[in-house]
């Protein structure tokens, strides 16, 4: 029997099922891979926002990492919500201890409703300790502004921010353009910078409020693609394609931002 490609998804649990680990599981499965999980935080949330958060201790995050990596291993890793510095440190240690590669970092800083999902010390640890070990980082516009400490108002600004972020040591920077300012949008453009070349990935703009889980889905598909041996350029192309489809077939659940639907 053929061994499946395994993707380790590290992040927070979303009780509403739209983002976080739940979105990761759906995205990795849709990409034809097998998902392993490490929970870094429990959230009480729905389509309207995050009601409460309970971070998981560094000790128990480490126990989960040791359990899955010591037995199964991982062909790629996707990190999402790392709320505390301890969570970041546990992941960094595991990357070295288990010689993990194809690490994709989705720097989850705020929830869709605006609630903070990362402490200041965690962000500092992510930039200084985790990004230098990563293959790809996938910030959206607000996250890229925080990482690069620049205002982003155009695609040219996205490229400048990507160059700044890459100075942290990460090999490839993807900045997603869905939050780019503009009244009327016809397309959504993402930028990939590998230190030498800028690549643009454009898709039609889909007008909907149901975009919960886009970032998690994007990074998980990307991780699954590189885990299967695709180049980063082709992995980003695949992530853009599948997320666009997931938004097009998003689900109108609840009273707030419904989830994207990668199985649509």
Protein backbone atom coordinates (compact mmCIF):
# COMPACT_ATOMS: atom_id res chain seq x y z
CA UNK A 1 0.00 0.00 0.00
CA UNK A 2 1.34 3.42 -0.96
CA UNK A 3 2.34 5.72 1.90
CA UNK A 4 0.42 9.01 1.80
CA UNK A 5 2.06 12.42 1.78
CA UNK A 6 1.75 13.75 5.33
CA UNK A 7 1.19 17.41 6.21
CA UNK A 8 1.56 18.55 9.82
CA UNK A 9 -0.91 21.34 10.56
CA UNK A 10 -0.13 23.37 13.69
CA UNK A 11 -2.67 25.93 14.85
CA UNK A 12 -5.81 26.82 16.75
CA UNK A 13 -9.10 24.95 16.76
CA UNK A 14 -12.16 26.81 15.40
CA UNK A 15 -15.41 25.66 17.02
CA UNK A 16 -17.32 27.12 14.07
CA UNK A 17 -15.43 24.84 11.68
CA UNK A 18 -14.54 27.59 9.23
CA UNK A 19 -10.88 28.36 9.91
CA UNK A 20 -7.94 27.05 11.92
CA UNK A 21 -7.25 23.34 12.17
CA UNK A 22 -10.69 22.48 10.81
CA UNK A 23 -9.98 24.41 7.60
CA UNK A 24 -6.52 22.82 7.43
CA UNK A 25 -7.96 19.31 7.56
CA UNK A 26 -10.37 20.02 4.72
CA UNK A 27 -7.72 21.71 2.56
CA UNK A 28 -5.09 19.01 3.02
CA UNK A 29 -7.64 16.29 2.29
CA UNK A 30 -8.82 18.11 -0.85
CA UNK A 31 -5.17 18.24 -1.94
CA UNK A 32 -4.86 14.47 -1.74
CA UNK A 33 -2.68 14.37 1.38
CA UNK A 34 -2.99 13.13 4.96
CA UNK A 35 -3.18 15.73 7.74
CA UNK A 36 -1.58 15.45 11.16
CA UNK A 37 -2.53 18.08 13.74
CA UNK A 38 -1.06 19.89 16.71
CA UNK A 39 -3.50 22.16 18.55
CA UNK A 40 -1.97 25.37 19.93
CA UNK A 41 -5.16 27.00 21.21
CA UNK A 42 -8.86 26.35 21.66
CA UNK A 43 -11.21 29.05 20.45
CA UNK A 44 -14.90 29.60 21.07
CA UNK A 45 -15.96 31.25 17.81
CA UNK A 46 -18.62 31.40 15.16
CA UNK A 47 -19.24 33.38 11.98
CA UNK A 48 -19.60 36.59 13.98
CA UNK A 49 -16.21 36.41 15.67
CA UNK A 50 -14.06 34.96 18.44
CA UNK A 51 -15.77 34.81 21.83
CA UNK A 52 -12.91 33.35 23.88
CA UNK A 53 -9.46 31.79 23.52
CA UNK A 54 -7.68 29.23 25.68
CA UNK A 55 -3.99 28.81 24.73
CA UNK A 56 -2.46 25.35 25.02
CA UNK A 57 0.67 25.12 27.17
CA UNK A 58 4.11 24.87 25.60
CA UNK A 59 4.55 21.51 27.35
CA UNK A 60 1.45 20.00 25.78
CA UNK A 61 2.22 21.47 22.34
CA UNK A 62 5.60 19.74 22.60
CA UNK A 63 3.93 16.48 23.64
CA UNK A 64 1.71 16.59 20.54
CA UNK A 65 4.67 17.37 18.27
CA UNK A 66 6.71 14.50 19.71
CA UNK A 67 3.79 12.10 19.43
CA UNK A 68 3.13 12.60 15.72
CA UNK A 69 6.67 13.34 14.55
CA UNK A 70 8.30 10.56 16.56
CA UNK A 71 5.99 8.02 14.96
CA UNK A 72 4.68 9.26 11.61
CA UNK A 73 6.84 12.20 10.50
CA UNK A 74 5.82 14.95 8.09
CA UNK A 75 6.58 15.76 4.45
CA UNK A 76 5.59 19.39 5.01
CA UNK A 77 4.49 21.63 7.86
CA UNK A 78 1.91 24.39 7.99
CA UNK A 79 1.75 26.70 11.01
CA UNK A 80 -1.21 28.90 11.75
CA UNK A 81 -2.18 30.42 15.09
CA UNK A 82 0.83 30.59 17.41
CA UNK A 83 -0.54 32.83 20.13
CA UNK A 84 2.32 32.65 22.64
CA UNK A 85 6.09 32.80 22.47
CA UNK A 86 6.10 29.34 24.05
CA UNK A 87 4.11 27.97 21.13
CA UNK A 88 6.59 29.43 18.64
CA UNK A 89 9.54 28.07 20.62
CA UNK A 90 8.03 24.57 20.73
CA UNK A 91 7.63 24.58 16.94
CA UNK A 92 11.14 25.93 16.36
CA UNK A 93 12.62 23.20 18.57
CA UNK A 94 10.69 20.48 16.73
CA UNK A 95 11.84 21.74 13.33
CA UNK A 96 15.44 21.30 14.40
CA UNK A 97 14.96 18.09 16.36
CA UNK A 98 13.09 16.28 13.57
CA UNK A 99 14.86 17.98 10.63
CA UNK A 100 11.53 19.22 9.27
CA UNK A 101 11.44 20.80 5.83
CA UNK A 102 8.86 22.50 3.60
CA UNK A 103 7.69 24.72 6.47
CA UNK A 104 4.88 27.11 5.48
CA UNK A 105 4.10 29.86 8.00
CA UNK A 106 0.72 31.58 7.99
CA UNK A 107 1.32 34.41 10.51
CA UNK A 108 -2.15 34.55 12.04
CA UNK A 109 -2.34 37.83 13.95
CA UNK A 110 -6.02 38.76 14.09
CA UNK A 111 -9.32 36.97 13.60
CA UNK A 112 -11.82 37.98 10.91
CA UNK A 113 -13.70 39.98 13.53
CA UNK A 114 -10.57 41.83 14.65
CA UNK A 115 -9.61 39.97 17.83
CA UNK A 116 -5.87 39.57 18.41
CA UNK A 117 -4.61 36.00 17.91
CA UNK A 118 -0.92 36.61 18.64
CA UNK A 119 0.85 38.16 21.61
CA UNK A 120 3.62 40.71 20.96
CA UNK A 121 6.31 38.36 22.31
CA UNK A 122 5.05 35.62 20.01
CA UNK A 123 5.34 37.87 16.97
CA UNK A 124 8.90 38.77 17.93
CA UNK A 125 9.79 35.07 18.32
CA UNK A 126 8.13 34.23 15.01
CA UNK A 127 10.18 36.83 13.13
CA UNK A 128 13.48 36.08 14.86
CA UNK A 129 13.29 32.29 15.31
CA UNK A 130 10.67 30.72 13.03
CA UNK A 131 10.83 32.67 9.77
CA UNK A 132 14.54 31.90 9.21
CA UNK A 133 13.58 28.20 9.21
CA UNK A 134 10.60 28.58 6.88
CA UNK A 135 10.28 27.83 3.20
CA UNK A 136 7.33 30.20 2.71
CA UNK A 137 5.47 32.83 4.74
CA UNK A 138 1.96 33.84 3.62
CA UNK A 139 0.79 37.11 5.23
CA UNK A 140 -2.26 39.02 4.11
CA UNK A 141 -2.01 42.80 3.70
CA UNK A 142 -2.49 43.75 7.41
CA UNK A 143 -0.05 41.03 8.50
CA UNK A 144 2.50 42.07 5.88
CA UNK A 145 2.22 45.68 7.09
CA UNK A 146 2.93 44.54 10.64
CA UNK A 147 5.88 42.35 9.61
CA UNK A 148 7.45 44.88 7.23
CA UNK A 149 6.34 48.00 9.16
CA UNK A 150 5.24 49.71 5.95
CA UNK A 151 1.92 50.88 4.57
CA UNK A 152 0.61 48.86 1.64
CA UNK A 153 -1.66 50.64 -0.82
CA UNK A 154 -0.67 49.08 -4.13
CA UNK A 155 0.90 46.03 -5.76
CA UNK A 156 4.18 47.96 -5.86
CA UNK A 157 3.93 48.39 -2.07
CA UNK A 158 3.30 44.66 -1.72
CA UNK A 159 6.54 43.97 -3.59
CA UNK A 160 8.50 46.36 -1.39
CA UNK A 161 7.04 44.78 1.76
CA UNK A 162 7.90 41.30 0.47
CA UNK A 163 11.53 42.33 0.05
CA UNK A 164 11.62 43.67 3.62
CA UNK A 165 10.03 40.53 5.08
CA UNK A 166 12.46 38.29 3.22
CA UNK A 167 15.32 39.96 5.09
CA UNK A 168 14.16 37.98 8.16
CA UNK A 169 15.63 34.88 6.51
CA UNK A 170 12.53 33.20 5.07
CA UNK A 171 13.17 31.82 1.59
CA UNK A 172 9.91 32.85 -0.10
CA UNK A 173 7.37 35.54 0.73
CA UNK A 174 3.78 35.41 -0.49
CA UNK A 175 1.62 38.47 0.18
CA UNK A 176 -2.07 37.90 -0.46
CA UNK A 177 -3.85 40.87 -2.01
CA UNK A 178 -7.43 40.36 -0.89
CA UNK A 179 -7.22 43.24 1.62
CA UNK A 180 -5.64 45.68 -0.82
CA UNK A 181 -7.48 49.03 -0.53
CA UNK A 182 -9.81 49.95 -3.36
CA UNK A 183 -13.48 50.68 -3.74
CA UNK A 184 -14.34 48.56 -6.74
CA UNK A 185 -12.30 45.45 -7.39
CA UNK A 186 -12.29 43.25 -10.46
CA UNK A 187 -9.32 41.04 -9.58
CA UNK A 188 -7.32 39.83 -6.58
CA UNK A 189 -3.55 39.74 -6.99
CA UNK A 190 -1.04 37.88 -4.81
CA UNK A 191 2.72 38.42 -4.90
CA UNK A 192 5.49 35.83 -4.52
CA UNK A 193 9.08 36.97 -4.00
CA UNK A 194 11.92 34.44 -3.89
CA UNK A 195 14.79 36.90 -3.50
CA UNK A 196 15.35 37.25 -7.24
CA UNK A 197 12.01 37.36 -9.01
CA UNK A 198 8.55 38.73 -8.29
CA UNK A 199 5.65 36.60 -9.48
CA UNK A 200 2.04 37.79 -9.69
CA UNK A 201 -0.97 35.50 -9.36
CA UNK A 202 -4.29 37.05 -10.33
CA UNK A 203 -7.84 35.75 -10.13
CA UNK A 204 -11.28 37.29 -10.65
CA UNK A 205 -12.69 39.12 -7.64
CA UNK A 206 -15.66 37.31 -6.07
CA UNK A 207 -18.05 39.56 -4.19
CA UNK A 208 -19.09 37.79 -0.97
CA UNK A 209 -18.87 38.25 2.77
CA UNK A 210 -18.29 34.52 3.24
CA UNK A 211 -14.50 34.40 3.32
CA UNK A 212 -13.84 32.80 6.71
CA UNK A 213 -10.87 30.42 6.47
CA UNK A 214 -9.28 31.77 3.29
CA UNK A 215 -5.81 32.25 4.83
CA UNK A 216 -5.74 28.85 6.52
CA UNK A 217 -6.95 27.11 3.38
CA UNK A 218 -4.43 28.92 1.19
CA UNK A 219 -1.42 28.04 3.35
CA UNK A 220 -2.55 24.43 3.82
CA UNK A 221 -2.97 23.85 0.08
CA UNK A 222 0.44 25.45 -0.47
CA UNK A 223 2.04 23.17 2.14
CA UNK A 224 0.38 20.11 0.64
CA UNK A 225 1.63 21.08 -2.81
CA UNK A 226 5.27 21.51 -1.77
CA UNK A 227 4.96 18.34 0.30
CA UNK A 228 4.00 16.53 -2.90
CA UNK A 229 7.13 17.87 -4.59
CA UNK A 230 5.80 20.89 -6.48
CA UNK A 231 7.92 24.03 -6.82
CA UNK A 232 6.91 26.99 -4.68
CA UNK A 233 5.75 28.87 -7.79
CA UNK A 234 3.44 26.03 -8.82
CA UNK A 235 2.32 25.51 -5.23
CA UNK A 236 1.25 29.15 -4.96
CA UNK A 237 -0.54 28.85 -8.30
CA UNK A 238 -2.43 25.81 -6.96
CA UNK A 239 -3.27 27.55 -3.68
CA UNK A 240 -4.62 30.58 -5.53
CA UNK A 241 -6.74 28.39 -7.81
CA UNK A 242 -8.27 26.27 -5.06
CA UNK A 243 -8.93 29.19 -2.70
CA UNK A 244 -10.64 31.12 -5.49
CA UNK A 245 -12.85 28.09 -6.10
CA UNK A 246 -13.50 27.76 -2.36
CA UNK A 247 -14.61 31.40 -2.16
CA UNK A 248 -16.84 30.98 -5.21
CA UNK A 249 -18.58 28.03 -3.52
CA UNK A 250 -18.53 29.51 0.02
CA UNK A 251 -21.31 28.65 2.45
CA UNK A 252 -23.87 31.13 3.74
CA UNK A 253 -23.89 29.98 7.37
CA UNK A 254 -24.61 32.04 10.48
CA UNK A 255 -25.06 35.78 10.78
CA UNK A 256 -21.49 36.85 10.01
CA UNK A 257 -18.68 35.71 7.70
CA UNK A 258 -19.54 32.22 6.43
CA UNK A 259 -16.79 29.72 5.60
CA UNK A 260 -15.14 29.09 2.27
CA UNK A 261 -15.89 25.67 0.80
CA UNK A 262 -12.93 23.92 -0.81
CA UNK A 263 -15.07 20.86 -1.53
CA UNK A 264 -17.48 22.94 -3.63
